[in-house]
């Protein structure tokens, strides 16, 4: 039987096992090293999805608030963060226009505000303390902490499982060896006993043949 690799519509790996009628999907039933890698793949994808949710939601909320303010020239703010919707986690960054010109930061709350107005900047800072994620359960900082803690917990669980299953495997190997292992000294003694028994039986057979031959001669 052979294994084959495929992917579903979400790019998740699928492992098939050959059978007489074709292939059987055994992905969910995999154990051992390959099963562990599949589980790690699923966990990693969950973490990436959570990070993508953070980047998308935070970018939208921050850019929306930034657009309600005004920059140093009295112009409404543009996007503060930019990202690629296909891969938001790896493309998340401060907009290049703001990086090149910090006067475009819309810190003022009004276009005609006097020097020192930072009303919109305060609202942007307040976003860090606003419950924006998971139906209002987490602030941005709390949501990131939640993701990091899940990664740490998953890593610790994987390490503990590895230690536990390795210990179980070692115990099984030792048990098997204790049952099927061969003691050379004991086997040598048994071999000597069998050899002595064979020689004794051979002598009895020889004497019996001699006696039988003499008896036949007497008759």
N, C-alpha and C. Protein backbone atom coordinates (compact mmCIF):
# COMPACT_ATOMS: atom_id res chain seq x y z
N UNK A 1 0.85 -1.20 0.00
CA UNK A 1 0.00 0.00 0.00
C UNK A 1 0.88 1.25 0.00
N UNK A 2 0.43 2.25 -0.69
CA UNK A 2 1.21 3.48 -0.81
C UNK A 2 0.39 4.67 -0.33
N UNK A 3 1.10 5.71 0.12
CA UNK A 3 0.48 6.96 0.52
C UNK A 3 0.53 7.95 -0.65
N UNK A 4 -0.47 8.81 -0.72
CA UNK A 4 -0.44 9.90 -1.69
C UNK A 4 -0.82 11.20 -0.99
N UNK A 5 -0.32 12.30 -1.53
CA UNK A 5 -0.55 13.62 -0.93
C UNK A 5 -1.43 14.46 -1.84
N UNK A 6 -2.39 15.15 -1.21
CA UNK A 6 -3.27 16.03 -1.96
C UNK A 6 -3.63 17.21 -1.06
N UNK A 7 -4.37 18.19 -1.57
CA UNK A 7 -4.80 19.34 -0.78
C UNK A 7 -6.26 19.62 -1.07
N UNK A 8 -7.00 20.08 -0.02
CA UNK A 8 -8.39 20.43 -0.22
C UNK A 8 -8.51 21.88 -0.68
N UNK A 9 -9.74 22.39 -0.72
CA UNK A 9 -9.97 23.74 -1.23
C UNK A 9 -9.34 24.82 -0.36
N UNK A 10 -9.06 24.48 0.91
CA UNK A 10 -8.42 25.42 1.84
C UNK A 10 -6.92 25.22 1.92
N UNK A 11 -6.36 24.44 0.98
CA UNK A 11 -4.93 24.13 0.94
C UNK A 11 -4.48 23.29 2.12
N UNK A 12 -5.41 22.59 2.76
CA UNK A 12 -5.04 21.71 3.87
C UNK A 12 -4.60 20.37 3.32
N UNK A 13 -3.49 19.83 3.83
CA UNK A 13 -2.99 18.54 3.31
C UNK A 13 -3.99 17.40 3.52
N UNK A 14 -4.04 16.53 2.55
CA UNK A 14 -4.86 15.31 2.63
C UNK A 14 -3.95 14.13 2.34
N UNK A 15 -3.94 13.15 3.23
CA UNK A 15 -3.13 11.94 3.05
C UNK A 15 -4.06 10.78 2.70
N UNK A 16 -3.83 10.15 1.56
CA UNK A 16 -4.64 9.03 1.10
C UNK A 16 -3.81 7.75 1.13
N UNK A 17 -4.49 6.64 1.45
CA UNK A 17 -3.86 5.32 1.47
C UNK A 17 -4.48 4.49 0.35
N UNK A 18 -3.63 3.87 -0.45
CA UNK A 18 -4.14 3.10 -1.58
C UNK A 18 -4.92 1.88 -1.11
N UNK A 19 -5.95 1.53 -1.88
CA UNK A 19 -6.75 0.33 -1.62
C UNK A 19 -7.10 -0.30 -2.96
N UNK A 20 -7.78 -1.42 -2.91
CA UNK A 20 -8.12 -2.11 -4.16
C UNK A 20 -9.00 -1.26 -5.07
N UNK A 21 -9.84 -0.43 -4.45
CA UNK A 21 -10.78 0.37 -5.23
C UNK A 21 -10.30 1.79 -5.48
N UNK A 22 -9.11 2.12 -5.04
CA UNK A 22 -8.60 3.47 -5.23
C UNK A 22 -7.81 3.95 -4.03
N UNK A 23 -8.30 5.02 -3.37
CA UNK A 23 -7.60 5.58 -2.22
C UNK A 23 -8.60 5.88 -1.11
N UNK A 24 -8.12 5.79 0.13
CA UNK A 24 -8.93 6.08 1.32
C UNK A 24 -8.27 7.24 2.06
N UNK A 25 -9.08 8.24 2.42
CA UNK A 25 -8.58 9.39 3.16
C UNK A 25 -8.32 8.98 4.61
N UNK A 26 -7.05 8.99 5.02
CA UNK A 26 -6.67 8.57 6.37
C UNK A 26 -6.09 9.74 7.16
N UNK A 27 -6.32 10.97 6.69
CA UNK A 27 -5.70 12.14 7.31
C UNK A 27 -6.06 12.24 8.79
N UNK A 28 -7.34 12.14 9.11
CA UNK A 28 -7.78 12.33 10.50
C UNK A 28 -7.38 11.17 11.40
N UNK A 29 -7.04 10.04 10.82
CA UNK A 29 -6.67 8.89 11.64
C UNK A 29 -5.18 8.70 11.81
N UNK A 30 -4.38 9.60 11.25
CA UNK A 30 -2.93 9.45 11.33
C UNK A 30 -2.44 9.66 12.76
N UNK A 31 -1.48 8.86 13.16
CA UNK A 31 -0.85 8.98 14.47
C UNK A 31 0.65 9.06 14.27
N UNK A 32 1.38 8.99 15.35
CA UNK A 32 2.84 8.99 15.26
C UNK A 32 3.40 10.30 14.74
N UNK A 33 4.57 10.24 14.13
CA UNK A 33 5.27 11.45 13.70
C UNK A 33 4.48 12.20 12.63
N UNK A 34 3.92 11.46 11.67
CA UNK A 34 3.17 12.11 10.59
C UNK A 34 1.89 12.75 11.14
N UNK A 35 1.22 12.04 12.05
CA UNK A 35 0.03 12.62 12.67
C UNK A 35 0.35 13.87 13.47
N UNK A 36 1.50 13.86 14.15
CA UNK A 36 1.93 15.04 14.90
C UNK A 36 2.19 16.23 13.99
N UNK A 37 2.78 15.98 12.84
CA UNK A 37 3.04 17.06 11.90
C UNK A 37 1.73 17.62 11.34
N UNK A 38 0.76 16.75 11.08
CA UNK A 38 -0.53 17.21 10.60
C UNK A 38 -1.23 18.07 11.65
N UNK A 39 -1.15 17.65 12.91
CA UNK A 39 -1.76 18.43 13.99
C UNK A 39 -1.06 19.79 14.13
N UNK A 40 0.26 19.78 14.01
CA UNK A 40 1.01 21.04 14.09
C UNK A 40 0.62 21.96 12.93
N UNK A 41 0.41 21.39 11.76
CA UNK A 41 -0.01 22.19 10.61
C UNK A 41 -1.35 22.87 10.89
N UNK A 42 -2.30 22.11 11.45
CA UNK A 42 -3.62 22.66 11.75
C UNK A 42 -3.52 23.77 12.80
N UNK A 43 -2.72 23.52 13.85
CA UNK A 43 -2.55 24.53 14.90
C UNK A 43 -1.92 25.80 14.35
N UNK A 44 -0.90 25.63 13.52
CA UNK A 44 -0.23 26.79 12.94
C UNK A 44 -1.19 27.59 12.07
N UNK A 45 -2.03 26.89 11.32
CA UNK A 45 -3.00 27.59 10.47
C UNK A 45 -4.01 28.36 11.31
N UNK A 46 -4.41 27.79 12.46
CA UNK A 46 -5.33 28.50 13.36
C UNK A 46 -4.69 29.78 13.89
N UNK A 47 -3.41 29.70 14.24
CA UNK A 47 -2.71 30.89 14.74
C UNK A 47 -2.60 31.95 13.64
N UNK A 48 -2.31 31.52 12.42
CA UNK A 48 -2.22 32.46 11.31
C UNK A 48 -3.57 33.12 11.05
N UNK A 49 -4.64 32.34 11.14
CA UNK A 49 -5.98 32.90 10.94
C UNK A 49 -6.29 33.94 12.01
N UNK A 50 -5.91 33.66 13.26
CA UNK A 50 -6.15 34.63 14.34
C UNK A 50 -5.34 35.92 14.11
N UNK A 51 -4.10 35.75 13.68
CA UNK A 51 -3.28 36.93 13.40
C UNK A 51 -3.84 37.73 12.23
N UNK A 52 -4.36 37.03 11.22
CA UNK A 52 -4.97 37.70 10.08
C UNK A 52 -6.19 38.49 10.53
N UNK A 53 -6.98 37.89 11.43
CA UNK A 53 -8.15 38.60 11.97
C UNK A 53 -7.72 39.87 12.69
N UNK A 54 -6.66 39.76 13.49
CA UNK A 54 -6.16 40.93 14.20
C UNK A 54 -5.72 42.02 13.23
N UNK A 55 -4.91 41.66 12.25
CA UNK A 55 -4.38 42.65 11.32
C UNK A 55 -5.50 43.33 10.54
N UNK A 56 -6.44 42.55 10.03
CA UNK A 56 -7.52 43.11 9.21
C UNK A 56 -8.40 44.04 10.04
N UNK A 57 -8.88 43.54 11.20
CA UNK A 57 -9.79 44.34 12.02
C UNK A 57 -9.11 45.59 12.57
N UNK A 58 -7.87 45.43 13.05
CA UNK A 58 -7.18 46.57 13.63
C UNK A 58 -6.87 47.62 12.55
N UNK A 59 -6.47 47.15 11.37
CA UNK A 59 -6.17 48.07 10.28
C UNK A 59 -7.41 48.88 9.89
N UNK A 60 -8.54 48.20 9.76
CA UNK A 60 -9.78 48.88 9.38
C UNK A 60 -10.18 49.91 10.44
N UNK A 61 -10.17 49.51 11.70
CA UNK A 61 -10.58 50.42 12.78
C UNK A 61 -9.63 51.61 12.91
N UNK A 62 -8.32 51.33 12.84
CA UNK A 62 -7.34 52.41 12.99
C UNK A 62 -7.41 53.37 11.81
N UNK A 63 -7.51 52.83 10.59
CA UNK A 63 -7.57 53.69 9.42
C UNK A 63 -8.85 54.52 9.40
N UNK A 64 -9.94 53.92 9.87
CA UNK A 64 -11.20 54.66 9.92
C UNK A 64 -11.09 55.86 10.87
N UNK A 65 -10.50 55.61 12.05
CA UNK A 65 -10.33 56.70 13.00
C UNK A 65 -9.34 57.73 12.48
N UNK A 66 -8.28 57.27 11.86
CA UNK A 66 -7.27 58.18 11.32
C UNK A 66 -7.86 59.07 10.24
N UNK A 67 -8.77 58.53 9.44
CA UNK A 67 -9.38 59.30 8.36
C UNK A 67 -10.31 60.39 8.88
N UNK A 68 -10.73 60.27 10.15
CA UNK A 68 -11.63 61.29 10.72
C UNK A 68 -10.86 62.52 11.23
N UNK A 69 -9.54 62.43 11.26
CA UNK A 69 -8.72 63.55 11.72
C UNK A 69 -8.09 64.30 10.57
N UNK A 70 -7.20 65.23 10.92
CA UNK A 70 -6.58 66.09 9.91
C UNK A 70 -5.08 66.16 10.15
N UNK A 71 -4.33 66.22 9.05
CA UNK A 71 -2.88 66.29 9.16
C UNK A 71 -2.44 67.73 9.39
N UNK A 72 -1.13 67.95 9.34
CA UNK A 72 -0.58 69.27 9.65
C UNK A 72 -1.02 70.34 8.66
N UNK A 73 -1.41 69.92 7.47
CA UNK A 73 -1.87 70.87 6.45
C UNK A 73 -3.38 71.06 6.47
N UNK A 74 -4.08 70.41 7.40
CA UNK A 74 -5.52 70.53 7.46
C UNK A 74 -6.25 69.62 6.50
N UNK A 75 -5.54 68.63 5.95
CA UNK A 75 -6.13 67.68 5.02
C UNK A 75 -6.57 66.43 5.78
N UNK A 76 -7.78 65.88 5.48
CA UNK A 76 -8.22 64.66 6.16
C UNK A 76 -7.19 63.54 6.01
N UNK A 77 -7.06 62.76 7.06
CA UNK A 77 -6.06 61.69 7.06
C UNK A 77 -6.38 60.58 6.09
N UNK A 78 -5.35 59.99 5.55
CA UNK A 78 -5.51 58.79 4.69
C UNK A 78 -5.26 57.54 5.49
N UNK A 79 -4.97 56.45 4.81
CA UNK A 79 -4.69 55.18 5.49
C UNK A 79 -3.38 55.27 6.25
N UNK A 80 -3.40 54.88 7.52
CA UNK A 80 -2.17 54.86 8.31
C UNK A 80 -1.43 53.54 8.10
N UNK A 81 -2.20 52.44 8.07
CA UNK A 81 -1.62 51.12 7.83
C UNK A 81 -2.03 50.62 6.45
N UNK A 82 -1.18 49.82 5.86
CA UNK A 82 -1.50 49.17 4.58
C UNK A 82 -1.25 47.68 4.72
N UNK A 83 -1.94 46.90 3.89
CA UNK A 83 -1.80 45.45 3.92
C UNK A 83 -2.33 44.87 2.62
N UNK A 84 -1.97 43.62 2.39
CA UNK A 84 -2.48 42.86 1.26
C UNK A 84 -3.52 41.89 1.78
N UNK A 85 -4.74 41.96 1.26
CA UNK A 85 -5.82 41.11 1.77
C UNK A 85 -5.55 39.63 1.57
N UNK A 86 -4.70 39.28 0.61
CA UNK A 86 -4.39 37.87 0.37
C UNK A 86 -3.50 37.32 1.48
N UNK A 87 -2.54 38.14 1.93
CA UNK A 87 -1.64 37.72 3.01
C UNK A 87 -1.46 38.89 3.96
N UNK A 88 -2.47 39.19 4.78
CA UNK A 88 -2.41 40.38 5.63
C UNK A 88 -1.29 40.35 6.66
N UNK A 89 -0.98 39.17 7.19
CA UNK A 89 0.02 39.08 8.27
C UNK A 89 1.40 39.50 7.78
N UNK A 90 1.79 39.01 6.61
CA UNK A 90 3.14 39.28 6.11
C UNK A 90 3.26 40.62 5.41
N UNK A 91 2.11 41.23 5.06
CA UNK A 91 2.16 42.50 4.33
C UNK A 91 1.80 43.70 5.19
N UNK A 92 1.47 43.48 6.45
CA UNK A 92 1.04 44.55 7.34
C UNK A 92 2.20 45.51 7.62
N UNK A 93 1.96 46.81 7.37
CA UNK A 93 3.01 47.81 7.60
C UNK A 93 2.39 49.20 7.65
N UNK A 94 3.18 50.16 8.14
CA UNK A 94 2.76 51.56 8.09
C UNK A 94 2.80 52.02 6.64
N UNK A 95 1.77 52.78 6.24
CA UNK A 95 1.70 53.23 4.86
C UNK A 95 2.98 53.98 4.47
N UNK A 96 3.48 53.67 3.30
CA UNK A 96 4.77 54.23 2.85
C UNK A 96 4.74 55.75 2.76
N UNK A 97 3.57 56.35 2.44
CA UNK A 97 3.48 57.81 2.33
C UNK A 97 3.72 58.47 3.68
N UNK A 98 3.19 57.86 4.76
CA UNK A 98 3.39 58.41 6.10
C UNK A 98 4.83 58.19 6.55
N UNK A 99 5.42 57.05 6.17
CA UNK A 99 6.82 56.81 6.50
C UNK A 99 7.71 57.88 5.89
N UNK A 100 7.38 58.29 4.67
CA UNK A 100 8.17 59.31 3.98
C UNK A 100 7.89 60.72 4.49
N UNK A 101 6.67 60.94 4.99
CA UNK A 101 6.29 62.30 5.43
C UNK A 101 5.38 62.20 6.66
N UNK A 102 5.96 62.40 7.85
CA UNK A 102 5.20 62.23 9.09
C UNK A 102 4.18 63.35 9.30
N UNK A 103 4.26 64.42 8.53
CA UNK A 103 3.26 65.49 8.67
C UNK A 103 1.89 65.04 8.17
N UNK A 104 1.84 63.88 7.53
CA UNK A 104 0.57 63.35 7.04
C UNK A 104 -0.21 62.63 8.13
N UNK A 105 0.40 62.47 9.30
CA UNK A 105 -0.32 61.84 10.41
C UNK A 105 -1.46 62.76 10.84
N UNK A 106 -2.67 62.24 10.82
CA UNK A 106 -3.86 63.05 11.13
C UNK A 106 -4.09 63.06 12.64
N UNK A 107 -3.30 63.88 13.34
CA UNK A 107 -3.39 63.92 14.80
C UNK A 107 -4.45 64.91 15.27
N UNK A 108 -4.78 65.90 14.46
CA UNK A 108 -5.71 66.96 14.87
C UNK A 108 -7.15 66.48 14.73
N UNK A 109 -7.99 67.05 15.58
CA UNK A 109 -9.40 66.69 15.52
C UNK A 109 -10.20 67.60 14.63
N UNK A 110 -9.64 68.74 14.23
CA UNK A 110 -10.34 69.70 13.37
C UNK A 110 -9.35 70.34 12.41
N UNK A 111 -9.81 70.65 11.23
CA UNK A 111 -8.91 71.20 10.21
C UNK A 111 -8.46 72.62 10.56
N UNK A 112 -9.25 73.32 11.37
CA UNK A 112 -8.90 74.70 11.74
C UNK A 112 -8.41 74.79 13.17
N UNK A 113 -8.00 73.64 13.71
CA UNK A 113 -7.59 73.62 15.12
C UNK A 113 -6.34 74.45 15.33
N UNK A 114 -6.26 75.01 16.52
CA UNK A 114 -5.06 75.76 16.86
C UNK A 114 -3.89 74.81 17.05
N UNK A 115 -2.70 75.37 17.04
CA UNK A 115 -1.49 74.56 17.21
C UNK A 115 -1.55 73.77 18.52
N UNK A 116 -1.26 72.49 18.47
CA UNK A 116 -1.25 71.66 19.66
C UNK A 116 -2.46 70.77 19.78
N UNK A 117 -3.46 70.90 18.88
CA UNK A 117 -4.63 70.02 18.91
C UNK A 117 -4.20 68.59 18.59
N UNK A 118 -4.51 67.67 19.49
CA UNK A 118 -4.16 66.27 19.29
C UNK A 118 -5.36 65.39 19.62
N UNK A 119 -6.54 65.93 19.38
CA UNK A 119 -7.76 65.21 19.74
C UNK A 119 -7.87 63.87 19.03
N UNK A 120 -7.57 63.84 17.74
CA UNK A 120 -7.68 62.57 17.01
C UNK A 120 -6.56 61.60 17.41
N UNK A 121 -5.40 62.15 17.73
CA UNK A 121 -4.30 61.30 18.20
C UNK A 121 -4.70 60.59 19.48
N UNK A 122 -5.38 61.30 20.39
CA UNK A 122 -5.84 60.67 21.63
C UNK A 122 -6.83 59.55 21.34
N UNK A 123 -7.70 59.77 20.36
CA UNK A 123 -8.68 58.73 20.00
C UNK A 123 -7.98 57.52 19.39
N UNK A 124 -6.92 57.75 18.62
CA UNK A 124 -6.15 56.64 18.06
C UNK A 124 -5.47 55.83 19.15
N UNK A 125 -4.94 56.54 20.14
CA UNK A 125 -4.28 55.86 21.26
C UNK A 125 -5.31 55.07 22.07
N UNK A 126 -6.52 55.62 22.20
CA UNK A 126 -7.57 54.96 22.98
C UNK A 126 -8.01 53.64 22.36
N UNK A 127 -7.73 53.46 21.06
CA UNK A 127 -8.11 52.20 20.42
C UNK A 127 -7.43 51.00 21.09
N UNK A 128 -6.27 51.24 21.67
CA UNK A 128 -5.55 50.16 22.34
C UNK A 128 -6.29 49.64 23.55
N UNK A 129 -7.18 50.47 24.12
CA UNK A 129 -7.94 50.07 25.30
C UNK A 129 -9.40 49.78 24.96
N UNK A 130 -9.72 49.72 23.67
CA UNK A 130 -11.09 49.47 23.23
C UNK A 130 -11.25 48.01 22.84
N UNK A 131 -12.32 47.37 23.34
CA UNK A 131 -12.57 45.96 23.03
C UNK A 131 -13.09 45.84 21.61
N UNK A 132 -12.21 45.50 20.71
CA UNK A 132 -12.55 45.45 19.28
C UNK A 132 -12.71 44.02 18.76
N UNK A 133 -12.22 43.03 19.51
CA UNK A 133 -12.10 41.68 18.95
C UNK A 133 -12.97 40.68 19.70
N UNK A 134 -13.32 39.62 18.96
CA UNK A 134 -14.10 38.51 19.52
C UNK A 134 -15.38 39.02 20.19
N UNK A 135 -16.14 39.78 19.42
CA UNK A 135 -17.42 40.33 19.88
C UNK A 135 -17.26 41.19 21.14
N UNK A 136 -16.21 41.97 21.16
CA UNK A 136 -16.00 42.88 22.28
C UNK A 136 -15.37 42.25 23.51
N UNK A 137 -14.76 41.08 23.35
CA UNK A 137 -14.17 40.39 24.50
C UNK A 137 -12.73 40.81 24.75
N UNK A 138 -12.03 41.26 23.71
CA UNK A 138 -10.61 41.56 23.84
C UNK A 138 -10.28 42.94 23.25
N UNK A 139 -9.37 43.62 23.92
CA UNK A 139 -8.73 44.79 23.32
C UNK A 139 -7.63 44.29 22.38
N UNK A 140 -7.08 45.14 21.53
CA UNK A 140 -6.00 44.68 20.64
C UNK A 140 -4.85 44.01 21.40
N UNK A 141 -4.41 44.62 22.49
CA UNK A 141 -3.31 44.04 23.26
C UNK A 141 -3.72 42.69 23.85
N UNK A 142 -4.94 42.61 24.37
CA UNK A 142 -5.42 41.36 24.97
C UNK A 142 -5.56 40.25 23.93
N UNK A 143 -6.01 40.64 22.73
CA UNK A 143 -6.18 39.64 21.68
C UNK A 143 -4.84 39.07 21.24
N UNK A 144 -3.83 39.94 21.11
CA UNK A 144 -2.49 39.45 20.77
C UNK A 144 -1.94 38.56 21.88
N UNK A 145 -2.16 38.96 23.13
CA UNK A 145 -1.72 38.13 24.26
C UNK A 145 -2.40 36.78 24.23
N UNK A 146 -3.68 36.78 23.87
CA UNK A 146 -4.44 35.53 23.76
C UNK A 146 -3.82 34.62 22.70
N UNK A 147 -3.44 35.19 21.56
CA UNK A 147 -2.82 34.40 20.50
C UNK A 147 -1.48 33.84 20.97
N UNK A 148 -0.65 34.69 21.58
CA UNK A 148 0.67 34.26 22.04
C UNK A 148 0.55 33.16 23.09
N UNK A 149 -0.41 33.30 24.00
CA UNK A 149 -0.58 32.30 25.04
C UNK A 149 -1.03 30.97 24.45
N UNK A 150 -1.86 31.02 23.41
CA UNK A 150 -2.30 29.79 22.75
C UNK A 150 -1.12 29.10 22.07
N UNK A 151 -0.25 29.89 21.46
CA UNK A 151 0.95 29.31 20.83
C UNK A 151 1.83 28.65 21.88
N UNK A 152 2.04 29.36 22.99
CA UNK A 152 2.88 28.80 24.06
C UNK A 152 2.26 27.54 24.65
N UNK A 153 0.95 27.55 24.85
CA UNK A 153 0.27 26.39 25.42
C UNK A 153 0.34 25.20 24.47
N UNK A 154 0.12 25.46 23.18
CA UNK A 154 0.20 24.39 22.20
C UNK A 154 1.60 23.80 22.13
N UNK A 155 2.61 24.67 22.19
CA UNK A 155 4.00 24.19 22.16
C UNK A 155 4.32 23.35 23.38
N UNK A 156 3.87 23.81 24.56
CA UNK A 156 4.12 23.07 25.78
C UNK A 156 3.41 21.72 25.76
N UNK A 157 2.16 21.70 25.26
CA UNK A 157 1.41 20.44 25.17
C UNK A 157 2.10 19.45 24.24
N UNK A 158 2.61 19.96 23.12
CA UNK A 158 3.32 19.09 22.17
C UNK A 158 4.57 18.51 22.82
N UNK A 159 5.30 19.34 23.57
CA UNK A 159 6.50 18.84 24.26
C UNK A 159 6.17 17.80 25.30
N UNK A 160 5.10 18.05 26.07
CA UNK A 160 4.68 17.08 27.10
C UNK A 160 4.23 15.77 26.47
N UNK A 161 3.48 15.87 25.37
CA UNK A 161 3.03 14.65 24.69
C UNK A 161 4.21 13.86 24.16
N UNK A 162 5.20 14.58 23.62
CA UNK A 162 6.38 13.89 23.10
C UNK A 162 7.10 13.13 24.22
N UNK A 163 7.29 13.79 25.36
CA UNK A 163 7.96 13.14 26.49
C UNK A 163 7.16 11.94 26.98
N UNK A 164 5.82 12.11 27.07
CA UNK A 164 4.97 11.02 27.57
C UNK A 164 5.00 9.83 26.62
N UNK A 165 4.78 10.07 25.33
CA UNK A 165 4.73 8.96 24.38
C UNK A 165 6.10 8.33 24.19
N UNK A 166 7.16 9.12 24.31
CA UNK A 166 8.51 8.54 24.22
C UNK A 166 8.76 7.60 25.40
N UNK A 167 8.32 8.01 26.60
CA UNK A 167 8.46 7.15 27.78
C UNK A 167 7.65 5.87 27.62
N UNK A 168 6.44 5.99 27.06
CA UNK A 168 5.61 4.80 26.85
C UNK A 168 6.26 3.86 25.84
N UNK A 169 6.82 4.43 24.77
CA UNK A 169 7.49 3.60 23.78
C UNK A 169 8.69 2.89 24.37
N UNK A 170 9.48 3.59 25.18
CA UNK A 170 10.63 2.96 25.81
C UNK A 170 10.20 1.84 26.75
N UNK A 171 9.11 2.07 27.49
CA UNK A 171 8.60 1.02 28.39
C UNK A 171 8.16 -0.21 27.60
N UNK A 172 7.51 0.02 26.47
CA UNK A 172 7.05 -1.11 25.66
C UNK A 172 8.22 -1.88 25.06
N UNK A 173 9.24 -1.13 24.62
CA UNK A 173 10.42 -1.80 24.08
C UNK A 173 11.12 -2.64 25.16
N UNK A 174 11.23 -2.08 26.37
CA UNK A 174 11.86 -2.82 27.46
C UNK A 174 11.04 -4.04 27.84
N UNK A 175 9.70 -3.90 27.85
CA UNK A 175 8.84 -5.03 28.16
C UNK A 175 8.97 -6.12 27.12
N UNK A 176 9.01 -5.70 25.86
CA UNK A 176 9.16 -6.69 24.79
C UNK A 176 10.49 -7.42 24.91
N UNK A 177 11.55 -6.66 25.17
CA UNK A 177 12.87 -7.28 25.29
C UNK A 177 12.94 -8.22 26.49
N UNK A 178 12.24 -7.85 27.58
CA UNK A 178 12.27 -8.72 28.76
C UNK A 178 11.54 -10.03 28.52
N UNK A 179 10.56 -10.00 27.59
CA UNK A 179 9.80 -11.21 27.30
C UNK A 179 10.49 -12.04 26.23
N UNK A 180 10.95 -11.39 25.18
CA UNK A 180 11.51 -12.11 24.05
C UNK A 180 13.04 -12.12 24.04
N UNK A 181 13.66 -11.48 25.01
CA UNK A 181 15.11 -11.42 25.04
C UNK A 181 15.73 -12.79 25.34
N UNK A 182 16.96 -13.00 24.89
CA UNK A 182 17.65 -14.27 25.05
C UNK A 182 18.82 -14.11 26.01
N UNK A 183 18.85 -14.99 27.06
CA UNK A 183 19.96 -15.04 27.99
C UNK A 183 20.93 -16.10 27.48
N UNK A 184 22.11 -15.68 26.98
CA UNK A 184 23.05 -16.61 26.35
C UNK A 184 23.56 -17.66 27.33
N UNK A 185 23.82 -17.29 28.58
CA UNK A 185 24.30 -18.26 29.56
C UNK A 185 23.25 -19.33 29.83
N UNK A 186 22.02 -18.89 29.99
CA UNK A 186 20.94 -19.85 30.25
C UNK A 186 20.72 -20.77 29.06
N UNK A 187 20.78 -20.19 27.87
CA UNK A 187 20.58 -21.01 26.67
C UNK A 187 21.73 -22.00 26.49
N UNK A 188 22.96 -21.62 26.88
CA UNK A 188 24.10 -22.53 26.78
C UNK A 188 23.92 -23.71 27.72
N UNK A 189 23.43 -23.43 28.94
CA UNK A 189 23.19 -24.51 29.90
C UNK A 189 22.12 -25.47 29.39
N UNK A 190 21.06 -24.91 28.80
CA UNK A 190 20.00 -25.77 28.27
C UNK A 190 20.52 -26.61 27.11
N UNK A 191 21.40 -26.00 26.29
CA UNK A 191 21.97 -26.74 25.17
C UNK A 191 22.81 -27.91 25.66
N UNK A 192 23.57 -27.70 26.73
CA UNK A 192 24.36 -28.78 27.30
C UNK A 192 23.46 -29.87 27.86
N UNK A 193 22.36 -29.48 28.49
CA UNK A 193 21.41 -30.47 29.02
C UNK A 193 20.80 -31.30 27.89
N UNK A 194 20.42 -30.61 26.81
CA UNK A 194 19.82 -31.32 25.67
C UNK A 194 20.83 -32.27 25.03
N UNK A 195 22.09 -31.84 24.96
CA UNK A 195 23.13 -32.67 24.37
C UNK A 195 23.37 -33.91 25.23
N UNK A 196 23.43 -33.71 26.56
CA UNK A 196 23.62 -34.86 27.45
C UNK A 196 22.45 -35.84 27.36
N UNK A 197 21.25 -35.28 27.28
CA UNK A 197 20.06 -36.14 27.15
C UNK A 197 20.11 -36.93 25.84
N UNK A 198 20.53 -36.26 24.77
CA UNK A 198 20.62 -36.93 23.48
C UNK A 198 21.65 -38.07 23.53
N UNK A 199 22.81 -37.79 24.14
CA UNK A 199 23.85 -38.83 24.22
C UNK A 199 23.37 -40.00 25.05
N UNK A 200 22.66 -39.71 26.15
CA UNK A 200 22.14 -40.80 26.98
C UNK A 200 21.12 -41.63 26.21
N UNK A 201 20.23 -40.96 25.48
CA UNK A 201 19.23 -41.68 24.70
C UNK A 201 19.89 -42.52 23.61
N UNK A 202 20.97 -41.95 23.01
CA UNK A 202 21.67 -42.69 21.96
C UNK A 202 22.32 -43.95 22.53
N UNK A 203 22.88 -43.86 23.72
CA UNK A 203 23.50 -45.03 24.35
C UNK A 203 22.46 -46.10 24.67
N UNK A 204 21.31 -45.67 25.17
CA UNK A 204 20.24 -46.64 25.47
C UNK A 204 19.80 -47.35 24.19
N UNK A 205 19.67 -46.57 23.12
CA UNK A 205 19.27 -47.16 21.86
C UNK A 205 20.32 -48.14 21.34
N UNK A 206 21.60 -47.79 21.52
CA UNK A 206 22.67 -48.67 21.08
C UNK A 206 22.65 -49.99 21.86
N UNK A 207 22.53 -49.89 23.18
CA UNK A 207 22.48 -51.10 24.02
C UNK A 207 21.26 -51.94 23.67
N UNK A 208 20.14 -51.31 23.44
CA UNK A 208 18.91 -52.05 23.09
C UNK A 208 19.10 -52.80 21.79
N UNK A 209 19.75 -52.17 20.81
CA UNK A 209 20.00 -52.85 19.54
C UNK A 209 20.93 -54.05 19.73
N UNK A 210 21.95 -53.85 20.58
CA UNK A 210 22.87 -54.98 20.83
C UNK A 210 22.15 -56.15 21.49
N UNK A 211 21.33 -55.84 22.50
CA UNK A 211 20.58 -56.89 23.20
C UNK A 211 19.62 -57.59 22.24
N UNK A 212 18.97 -56.81 21.40
CA UNK A 212 18.02 -57.40 20.45
C UNK A 212 18.76 -58.32 19.48
N UNK A 213 20.01 -57.88 19.06
CA UNK A 213 20.77 -58.70 18.11
C UNK A 213 21.19 -60.00 18.79
N UNK A 214 21.67 -59.96 20.03
CA UNK A 214 22.07 -61.19 20.72
C UNK A 214 20.90 -62.12 20.94
N UNK A 215 19.74 -61.52 21.25
CA UNK A 215 18.56 -62.34 21.48
C UNK A 215 18.15 -63.08 20.20
N UNK A 216 18.23 -62.37 19.07
CA UNK A 216 17.87 -62.99 17.78
C UNK A 216 18.87 -64.10 17.46
N UNK A 217 20.15 -63.92 17.80
CA UNK A 217 21.15 -64.96 17.52
C UNK A 217 20.88 -66.18 18.36
N UNK A 218 20.43 -65.98 19.61
CA UNK A 218 20.15 -67.11 20.47
C UNK A 218 18.95 -67.91 19.96
N UNK A 219 18.03 -67.26 19.36
CA UNK A 219 16.85 -67.95 18.83
C UNK A 219 17.24 -68.67 17.53
